[in-house]
Protein backbone atom coordinates (compact mmCIF):
# COMPACT_ATOMS: atom_id res chain seq x y z
CA MET A 1 -15.76 26.97 0.65
CA THR A 2 -19.13 25.13 1.11
CA ASP A 3 -22.81 25.97 1.15
CA ALA A 4 -24.53 26.16 4.48
CA ALA A 5 -26.47 23.16 3.48
CA SER A 6 -23.37 20.98 3.25
CA THR A 7 -23.55 17.64 4.91
CA ARG A 8 -22.99 18.14 8.57
CA VAL A 9 -21.62 15.76 11.17
CA GLU A 10 -24.42 15.28 13.76
CA PRO A 11 -23.69 15.67 17.44
CA ILE A 12 -21.88 12.54 18.65
CA GLN A 13 -24.22 10.26 20.64
CA ILE A 14 -21.78 7.36 20.82
CA GLN A 15 -18.86 7.92 23.30
CA PRO A 16 -15.37 6.75 22.19
CA PRO A 17 -14.89 3.05 23.31
CA SER A 18 -12.22 1.73 25.51
CA GLY A 19 -11.29 -0.74 22.91
CA LYS A 20 -8.63 0.53 20.35
CA TYR A 21 -7.86 -2.48 18.30
CA ARG A 22 -8.67 -0.47 15.11
CA TRP A 23 -5.46 1.42 15.65
CA VAL A 24 -3.52 -1.88 15.39
CA VAL A 25 -4.86 -2.16 11.93
CA VAL A 26 -3.53 1.43 11.21
CA TRP A 27 -0.07 0.44 12.32
CA LEU A 28 -0.08 -2.64 10.26
CA LEU A 29 -0.97 -0.45 7.25
CA PHE A 30 1.75 2.02 8.29
CA ALA A 31 4.45 -0.69 8.29
CA ALA A 32 3.31 -1.88 4.90
CA MET A 33 3.65 1.62 3.52
CA VAL A 34 7.21 1.97 5.02
CA ILE A 35 8.13 -1.10 3.03
CA ASN A 36 6.24 0.11 0.01
CA TYR A 37 8.23 3.33 -0.13
CA VAL A 38 11.51 1.71 0.54
CA ASP A 39 10.87 -0.36 -2.47
CA ARG A 40 9.64 2.54 -4.54
CA GLN A 41 12.22 5.14 -3.49
CA ALA A 42 15.25 2.89 -3.88
CA LEU A 43 15.47 3.67 -7.71
CA GLY A 44 15.54 7.29 -6.95
CA VAL A 45 18.25 6.98 -4.37
CA LEU A 46 20.33 4.93 -6.73
CA LYS A 47 19.57 7.14 -9.73
CA PRO A 48 23.11 8.85 -9.89
CA THR A 49 24.83 5.40 -9.41
CA LEU A 50 22.69 3.69 -12.08
CA MET A 51 22.89 6.58 -14.61
CA ALA A 52 26.62 6.58 -14.31
CA GLU A 53 26.99 2.68 -14.57
CA PHE A 54 24.56 2.28 -17.55
CA GLY A 55 25.02 5.63 -19.25
CA TRP A 56 21.37 6.72 -18.88
CA THR A 57 20.20 10.11 -19.73
CA GLU A 58 17.51 12.03 -17.92
CA THR A 59 14.98 11.04 -20.60
CA ASN A 60 15.98 7.34 -20.15
CA PHE A 61 15.38 7.68 -16.39
CA ALA A 62 11.93 9.48 -17.25
CA ASP A 63 11.18 6.44 -19.46
CA ILE A 64 11.57 4.00 -16.54
CA ILE A 65 9.36 6.20 -14.44
CA PHE A 66 6.87 6.48 -17.27
CA TRP A 67 6.36 2.75 -17.63
CA PHE A 68 6.15 2.17 -13.90
CA GLN A 69 3.39 4.93 -13.77
CA ALA A 70 1.51 3.25 -16.68
CA ALA A 71 1.56 -0.15 -14.96
CA TYR A 72 0.65 1.50 -11.60
CA ALA A 73 -2.17 3.41 -13.13
CA VAL A 74 -3.86 0.37 -14.79
CA SER A 75 -3.35 -1.96 -11.85
CA TYR A 76 -4.64 0.64 -9.46
CA LEU A 77 -8.04 0.57 -11.21
CA LEU A 78 -8.14 -3.23 -11.47
CA TRP A 79 -7.02 -3.60 -7.78
CA GLY A 80 -9.76 -1.18 -6.69
CA ARG A 81 -12.44 -3.38 -8.19
CA LEU A 82 -10.81 -6.60 -7.03
CA VAL A 83 -10.55 -5.31 -3.43
CA ASP A 84 -14.19 -4.46 -3.39
CA LYS A 85 -14.78 -8.14 -4.20
CA ILE A 86 -12.24 -9.98 -2.00
CA GLY A 87 -11.72 -7.51 0.72
CA ALA A 88 -8.75 -5.78 2.18
CA ARG A 89 -7.16 -8.86 3.90
CA TRP A 90 -6.43 -10.83 0.71
CA GLY A 91 -6.24 -7.76 -1.46
CA PHE A 92 -3.49 -6.14 0.44
CA GLY A 93 -1.72 -9.46 1.19
CA ILE A 94 -1.51 -10.50 -2.57
CA ALA A 95 -0.47 -7.07 -3.68
CA PHE A 96 2.23 -6.97 -1.12
CA ILE A 97 3.66 -10.34 -2.18
CA ILE A 98 3.75 -9.30 -5.91
CA TRP A 99 5.40 -5.88 -5.38
CA GLN A 100 8.03 -7.36 -3.07
CA ILE A 101 9.00 -10.04 -5.43
CA ALA A 102 9.22 -7.43 -8.14
CA PHE A 103 11.43 -5.30 -5.94
CA ILE A 104 13.91 -8.10 -5.36
CA ALA A 105 13.98 -8.56 -9.09
CA HIS A 106 15.51 -5.09 -9.44
CA ALA A 107 18.80 -6.69 -8.43
CA GLY A 108 18.83 -8.23 -11.86
CA ILE A 109 18.78 -5.00 -13.81
CA ARG A 110 21.36 -5.04 -16.63
CA SER A 111 20.01 -2.54 -19.07
CA LEU A 112 17.31 0.12 -19.61
CA ASN A 113 14.86 -2.50 -20.80
CA THR A 114 15.38 -4.82 -17.73
CA ALA A 115 14.91 -1.77 -15.61
CA ILE A 116 11.63 -1.02 -17.18
CA ILE A 117 10.45 -4.62 -16.86
CA ALA A 118 11.26 -4.61 -13.12
CA ARG A 119 9.48 -1.34 -12.50
CA VAL A 120 6.35 -2.49 -14.43
CA ALA A 121 6.16 -5.52 -12.29
CA LEU A 122 6.61 -3.30 -9.17
CA GLY A 123 3.94 -0.97 -10.42
CA ILE A 124 1.42 -3.92 -10.87
CA GLY A 125 1.86 -5.02 -7.28
CA GLU A 126 2.13 -1.53 -5.67
CA GLY A 127 -1.23 -0.49 -7.46
CA GLY A 128 -3.07 -2.53 -4.90
CA GLY A 129 -1.61 -0.84 -1.75
CA PHE A 130 -3.68 2.17 -1.47
CA PRO A 131 -7.07 0.86 -2.70
CA ALA A 132 -6.75 -1.95 -0.09
CA GLY A 133 -5.46 0.31 2.58
CA ILE A 134 -8.35 2.90 2.12
CA LYS A 135 -10.73 -0.04 2.04
CA ALA A 136 -9.27 -1.28 5.47
CA VAL A 137 -9.63 2.19 6.97
CA THR A 138 -13.35 2.48 5.73
CA ASP A 139 -14.07 -0.91 7.15
CA TRP A 140 -12.47 -0.14 10.52
CA PHE A 141 -13.25 3.55 11.19
CA PRO A 142 -16.22 5.83 11.39
CA LYS A 143 -16.16 8.98 9.05
CA LYS A 144 -14.93 11.22 11.77
CA GLU A 145 -11.74 9.30 12.26
CA ARG A 146 -10.89 8.26 8.75
CA ALA A 147 -8.85 11.26 7.61
CA PHE A 148 -6.68 11.01 10.71
CA ALA A 149 -6.37 7.25 10.21
CA VAL A 150 -5.46 7.63 6.61
CA GLY A 151 -2.92 10.35 7.58
CA LEU A 152 -1.32 7.92 10.14
CA PHE A 153 -0.86 5.07 7.69
CA ASN A 154 0.11 7.33 4.87
CA ALA A 155 2.85 8.64 7.16
CA GLY A 156 4.53 5.35 6.58
CA THR A 157 5.31 6.54 3.09
CA ASN A 158 7.48 9.27 4.47
CA ILE A 159 9.28 6.97 7.00
CA GLY A 160 10.01 4.66 4.03
CA ALA A 161 11.38 7.71 2.21
CA ILE A 162 13.53 8.58 5.15
CA ILE A 163 14.82 5.02 5.66
CA THR A 164 15.76 4.44 2.06
CA PRO A 165 18.63 6.96 1.78
CA LEU A 166 20.01 5.52 4.98
CA ILE A 167 19.94 1.80 4.49
CA ILE A 168 20.53 1.49 0.81
CA PRO A 169 23.76 3.43 0.78
CA LEU A 170 24.80 1.99 4.13
CA ILE A 171 24.37 -1.58 2.90
CA ALA A 172 25.61 -0.95 -0.72
CA SER A 173 28.55 1.56 -0.05
CA VAL A 174 29.68 0.73 3.58
CA TRP A 175 28.89 -2.95 4.45
CA LEU A 176 29.10 -4.72 1.00
CA GLY A 177 30.99 -2.21 -1.17
CA THR A 178 32.56 1.24 -1.32
CA ALA A 179 31.45 4.69 -2.33
CA GLU A 180 33.21 4.19 -5.64
CA GLU A 181 31.85 0.68 -6.20
CA PRO A 182 28.53 0.26 -4.31
CA ASN A 183 27.10 -3.28 -4.17
CA TRP A 184 23.53 -2.15 -4.87
CA ARG A 185 22.36 -5.39 -6.22
CA MET A 186 22.94 -7.37 -3.03
CA ALA A 187 21.48 -4.40 -1.03
CA LEU A 188 18.25 -4.70 -2.86
CA ILE A 189 18.09 -8.45 -2.19
CA ILE A 190 18.65 -8.09 1.50
CA VAL A 191 16.24 -5.25 1.97
CA GLY A 192 13.54 -7.07 -0.10
CA ALA A 193 13.90 -10.29 1.89
CA LEU A 194 13.44 -8.49 5.17
CA GLY A 195 10.36 -6.89 3.99
CA PHE A 196 8.70 -10.25 3.55
CA LEU A 197 8.57 -10.60 7.37
CA TRP A 198 5.43 -8.34 7.25
CA VAL A 199 3.31 -10.88 5.31
CA PRO A 200 2.57 -13.57 7.95
CA VAL A 201 1.90 -10.80 10.58
CA TRP A 202 -0.78 -9.24 8.36
CA PHE A 203 -2.61 -12.58 7.72
CA MET A 204 -2.40 -13.56 11.46
CA ILE A 205 -3.89 -10.22 12.63
CA TYR A 206 -6.15 -8.62 9.95
CA LYS A 207 -9.81 -9.59 9.78
CA ARG A 208 -12.92 -7.54 9.32
CA PRO A 209 -14.17 -5.85 12.65
CA GLY A 210 -17.24 -8.11 13.15
CA GLU A 211 -15.16 -11.20 12.68
CA HIS A 212 -12.28 -10.25 15.12
CA LYS A 213 -12.36 -11.64 18.71
CA LYS A 214 -10.24 -8.70 19.94
CA VAL A 215 -12.83 -6.15 18.99
CA THR A 216 -15.06 -5.25 21.93
CA PRO A 217 -18.83 -4.76 21.44
CA ALA A 218 -18.27 -1.17 22.38
CA GLU A 219 -15.54 -0.55 19.78
CA LEU A 220 -17.60 -2.40 17.13
CA ASN A 221 -20.53 -0.14 17.89
CA TRP A 222 -18.16 2.91 17.49
CA ILE A 223 -16.87 1.62 14.16
CA SER A 224 -20.40 0.99 12.88
CA GLN A 225 -22.06 4.28 14.06
CA ASP A 226 -22.46 5.70 10.44
CA ALA A 227 -25.61 5.02 8.52
CA PRO A 228 -25.62 1.56 6.89
CA ASP A 229 -24.67 1.42 3.21
CA PRO A 230 -27.36 0.51 0.52
CA ALA A 231 -27.59 -3.21 -0.11
CA HIS A 232 -26.97 -2.91 -3.84
CA LYS A 233 -23.63 -3.06 -5.54
CA VAL A 234 -22.44 -0.12 -7.65
CA GLY A 235 -20.83 -0.79 -11.04
CA TRP A 236 -17.89 0.98 -12.60
CA LEU A 237 -19.91 2.42 -15.41
CA LYS A 238 -22.16 4.00 -12.90
CA LEU A 239 -19.40 5.48 -10.91
CA LEU A 240 -18.01 7.16 -13.99
CA THR A 241 -21.16 9.04 -14.42
CA VAL A 242 -20.97 10.45 -10.85
CA LYS A 243 -19.41 13.88 -10.41
CA GLU A 244 -18.01 13.10 -7.08
CA THR A 245 -15.89 10.28 -8.75
CA TRP A 246 -14.33 12.93 -10.97
CA ALA A 247 -13.86 15.30 -8.14
CA TYR A 248 -11.70 12.74 -6.53
CA ALA A 249 -9.95 11.52 -9.73
CA LEU A 250 -9.15 14.94 -11.05
CA GLY A 251 -7.78 16.01 -7.69
CA LYS A 252 -5.56 12.93 -7.89
CA PHE A 253 -4.55 13.75 -11.47
CA LEU A 254 -3.33 17.24 -10.49
CA ILE A 255 -1.56 16.45 -7.21
CA ASP A 256 -0.11 12.82 -7.57
CA PRO A 257 2.48 13.93 -10.25
CA ILE A 258 3.92 16.43 -7.79
CA TRP A 259 4.55 13.75 -5.19
CA TRP A 260 6.07 11.48 -7.88
CA PHE A 261 8.45 14.30 -8.93
CA PHE A 262 9.51 14.90 -5.28
CA LEU A 263 10.01 11.05 -4.75
CA PHE A 264 12.01 10.23 -7.88
CA TRP A 265 13.89 13.45 -8.73
CA LEU A 266 14.78 15.03 -5.37
CA PRO A 267 17.99 12.99 -4.94
CA GLY A 268 19.07 14.09 -8.55
CA PHE A 269 18.13 17.71 -7.78
CA LEU A 270 20.16 17.81 -4.51
CA GLY A 271 23.03 16.10 -6.18
CA LYS A 272 23.17 18.53 -9.08
CA GLN A 273 22.32 21.71 -7.09
CA TYR A 274 24.51 21.11 -4.06
CA ASP A 275 27.04 18.62 -5.28
CA LEU A 276 25.89 15.71 -3.08
CA ASN A 277 26.38 11.96 -3.71
CA LEU A 278 25.00 8.70 -2.61
CA LEU A 279 26.37 9.00 0.95
CA THR A 280 25.71 12.70 1.45
CA PHE A 281 22.21 13.48 0.30
CA GLY A 282 20.67 11.38 3.03
CA PRO A 283 20.41 14.16 5.68
CA PRO A 284 18.61 16.68 3.59
CA LEU A 285 16.26 13.98 2.26
CA ILE A 286 15.58 12.77 5.82
CA ALA A 287 14.80 16.40 6.88
CA ILE A 288 12.27 16.74 3.94
CA TYR A 289 10.36 13.54 4.69
CA LEU A 290 10.32 14.19 8.47
CA LEU A 291 8.46 17.37 7.66
CA SER A 292 6.25 15.32 5.28
CA ASP A 293 5.27 13.11 8.23
CA VAL A 294 4.20 16.11 10.20
CA GLY A 295 1.98 17.16 7.30
CA SER A 296 0.47 13.67 6.89
CA ILE A 297 -0.62 13.34 10.47
CA GLY A 298 -1.31 17.03 10.92
CA GLY A 299 -3.57 17.21 7.86
CA GLY A 300 -5.83 14.47 9.08
CA TRP A 301 -5.79 15.79 12.59
CA LEU A 302 -6.64 19.41 11.57
CA SER A 303 -9.78 18.39 9.65
CA GLY A 304 -10.89 16.34 12.68
CA GLN A 305 -10.48 19.46 14.90
CA PHE A 306 -12.58 21.57 12.56
CA LEU A 307 -15.25 18.81 12.72
CA LYS A 308 -15.18 18.93 16.53
CA ARG A 309 -15.76 22.71 16.29
CA GLY A 310 -19.05 22.17 14.35
CA MET A 311 -17.92 22.58 10.77
CA SER A 312 -19.62 20.48 8.08
CA LEU A 313 -17.67 17.61 6.80
CA GLY A 314 -17.07 19.33 3.45
CA ALA A 315 -15.98 22.55 5.03
CA ALA A 316 -13.56 20.85 7.32
CA ARG A 317 -12.02 18.85 4.48
CA LYS A 318 -11.72 21.78 2.13
CA LEU A 319 -10.52 24.35 4.56
CA THR A 320 -7.72 21.86 5.60
CA MET A 321 -6.96 21.41 1.86
CA LEU A 322 -6.85 25.23 1.17
CA ILE A 323 -4.39 25.76 3.97
CA CYS A 324 -2.12 22.96 2.57
CA ALA A 325 -2.51 24.24 -1.00
CA LEU A 326 -1.30 27.74 0.12
CA ALA A 327 1.66 26.20 2.05
CA VAL A 328 2.96 24.62 -1.24
CA THR A 329 3.19 27.89 -3.26
CA PRO A 330 6.71 28.98 -2.02
CA VAL A 331 8.16 25.82 -3.62
CA ALA A 332 8.12 27.73 -6.97
CA PHE A 333 11.37 29.41 -5.80
CA ALA A 334 13.13 26.24 -4.58
CA GLY A 335 15.32 25.84 -7.67
CA ASN A 336 16.88 29.25 -7.23
CA LEU A 337 17.98 29.02 -3.64
CA ASP A 338 21.62 28.87 -3.10
CA ASN A 339 21.39 27.74 0.57
CA MET A 340 20.71 24.09 0.60
CA TRP A 341 19.00 23.90 3.97
CA LEU A 342 16.68 26.85 3.12
CA ALA A 343 15.75 24.82 -0.10
CA VAL A 344 15.22 21.79 2.15
CA LEU A 345 12.90 23.80 4.41
CA VAL A 346 10.75 25.13 1.48
CA ILE A 347 10.57 21.71 -0.20
CA GLY A 348 9.87 20.02 3.15
CA ILE A 349 6.92 22.35 3.80
CA ALA A 350 5.61 21.54 0.35
CA THR A 351 5.87 17.83 0.78
CA ALA A 352 4.16 18.14 4.21
CA ALA A 353 1.37 20.11 2.65
CA HIS A 354 0.96 17.53 -0.09
CA GLN A 355 0.58 14.82 2.53
CA GLY A 356 -1.93 16.94 4.50
CA PHE A 357 -3.83 17.65 1.40
CA SER A 358 -3.69 14.11 0.32
CA ALA A 359 -4.99 12.65 3.65
CA ASN A 360 -8.15 14.64 3.26
CA LEU A 361 -8.48 13.86 -0.44
CA TYR A 362 -7.96 10.12 0.35
CA ALA A 363 -10.95 10.41 2.91
CA MET A 364 -13.33 11.64 0.24
CA PRO A 365 -14.37 8.25 -1.27
CA GLY A 366 -15.17 7.01 2.22
CA ASP A 367 -17.00 10.30 3.11
CA VAL A 368 -19.33 10.30 0.08
CA PHE A 369 -19.57 6.83 -1.27
CA PRO A 370 -21.03 3.62 0.19
CA ARG A 371 -18.35 1.17 1.44
CA SER A 372 -19.10 -1.25 -1.42
CA ALA A 373 -17.85 1.34 -3.93
CA VAL A 374 -14.88 2.80 -2.04
CA GLY A 375 -12.21 0.58 -3.50
CA SER A 376 -13.57 1.11 -7.03
CA VAL A 377 -13.48 4.99 -6.62
CA VAL A 378 -10.01 4.84 -5.15
CA GLY A 379 -8.96 2.67 -8.04
CA ILE A 380 -10.36 5.08 -10.61
CA GLY A 381 -8.72 8.03 -8.90
CA GLY A 382 -5.35 6.22 -8.64
CA MET A 383 -5.49 5.30 -12.42
CA ILE A 384 -6.16 9.01 -13.32
CA GLY A 385 -3.43 10.05 -10.94
CA GLY A 386 -1.12 7.66 -12.51
CA PHE A 387 -1.76 9.08 -15.95
CA GLY A 388 -0.82 12.50 -14.43
CA GLY A 389 2.36 10.86 -13.14
CA MET A 390 3.21 9.52 -16.61
CA ALA A 391 2.80 13.09 -18.02
CA MET A 392 5.00 14.55 -15.19
CA ALA A 393 7.76 11.91 -15.96
CA LYS A 394 7.90 12.94 -19.64
CA TYR A 395 7.65 16.72 -18.76
CA ALA A 396 10.45 16.43 -16.16
CA GLY A 397 12.80 14.37 -18.39
CA TYR A 398 12.30 16.81 -21.20
CA VAL A 399 12.90 19.97 -19.12
CA LEU A 400 15.97 18.74 -17.46
CA ASP A 401 17.50 17.34 -20.73
CA LYS A 402 16.55 20.48 -22.80
CA ILE A 403 16.60 23.30 -20.30
CA GLY A 404 18.79 21.88 -17.51
CA SER A 405 16.67 23.57 -14.76
CA TYR A 406 14.25 22.40 -12.09
CA THR A 407 12.52 25.72 -11.83
CA PRO A 408 9.76 25.12 -14.38
CA ILE A 409 8.89 21.92 -12.61
CA PHE A 410 8.71 23.59 -9.21
CA VAL A 411 6.47 26.27 -10.66
CA VAL A 412 4.04 23.59 -11.85
CA ALA A 413 4.19 21.97 -8.33
CA ALA A 414 3.38 25.28 -6.62
CA SER A 415 0.14 25.86 -8.52
CA ALA A 416 -1.21 22.30 -8.80
CA TYR A 417 -2.93 22.16 -5.39
CA LEU A 418 -4.98 25.35 -5.60
CA ILE A 419 -6.13 24.26 -9.00
CA ALA A 420 -6.99 20.77 -7.65
CA LEU A 421 -9.02 22.24 -4.79
CA LEU A 422 -10.92 24.44 -7.23
CA VAL A 423 -11.77 21.45 -9.43
CA ILE A 424 -12.92 19.51 -6.33
CA HIS A 425 -15.14 22.31 -5.12
CA ILE A 426 -16.66 22.93 -8.61
CA LEU A 427 -17.63 19.22 -8.96
CA SER A 428 -18.60 18.73 -5.28
CA PRO A 429 -19.58 22.05 -3.88
CA ARG A 430 -21.81 20.61 -1.14
CA TYR A 431 -19.67 17.48 -0.36
CA GLU A 432 -22.85 15.44 -0.25
CA PRO A 433 -23.21 11.70 -0.31
CA ALA A 434 -22.86 10.71 -4.04
CA ARG A 435 -26.14 9.62 -5.63
CA VAL A 436 -25.32 6.14 -6.95
């Protein structure tokens, strides 16, 4: 996949340090992503309940997702630039507070318009999560560990997606209500309030490596082993002229909508296809997102193994993405499977492959751009990915209302990753440091 002249990882001269405080940072990010995806996935889990209560159509639901994606896309770009200026500590902390308040506000949904307002506010806050998270990983890890670190904290998204169909129905339909009359409003308030416990922990623990007393000199040396960044800052307009920016952004445009589809429409698919409800679609969703966790961690681990065997950085990343892209293709047939657990396996492998692909794509800004530009590049890519998500929301709503079948959407999902990898390779064949 790459030219022999690709950027190669030089033989390691620095031995791994005894200090491992950088992994504490990863687990903090992991916990935040768990909460992030509980907040994000709750609407998908409650979709059948809300559609019945408010009389929404698939197109109405798609409109809610569309406006969430629009807010997420724009805020992702702005957060990326802001994080480069104020750093990951304040960037992540402020974004978390905004999205958590917005999530609690979902308890006040009374109509389609109030649902859209709540989701727009959630999108504004959540747009800061990944730019700040990738910035934190770039600050705390050398290039050889970044894909694995990203995979670990990104695995929190799957745990959040697993927890949501457990705790939301349990609180709403068992503790506070019944299956016929779930108290979903109070469930959202309780879950949102508990999520705020993360905020003081983050501000107490997170600092930059050079400012942290718990980081040993050996670990700081390990973190700082890559060549120093250029002293000058890189502006947005300059980044938009760099082909590596578009390799990352167009990759996000093609694969992010597929993940959004899985996240928001899987409960509805399982309910319609296999006659499941709020209390019974939990186990298949849990199985799917457990497989996703394997892919998230495994994708980062696999590219690290290829690097250890002497592959160039670009070859290791792209070969891993190719394996993941091929693993997604069977999902084209998921909508036609009569056996629910076979469908769960096929979809679970696809979501796992998405996460493995995504872990390596997320590593790209840190691999080829200076640290001072990472947040901005991640922001640009997230915005473009958000635009793709908006298109997918409209497409899914139209297909389900007009055709009534999930198969056309699954076919799009099956092909998106191979196309994304082709685009990435065309725009960044050597995977070299960007000329900024």
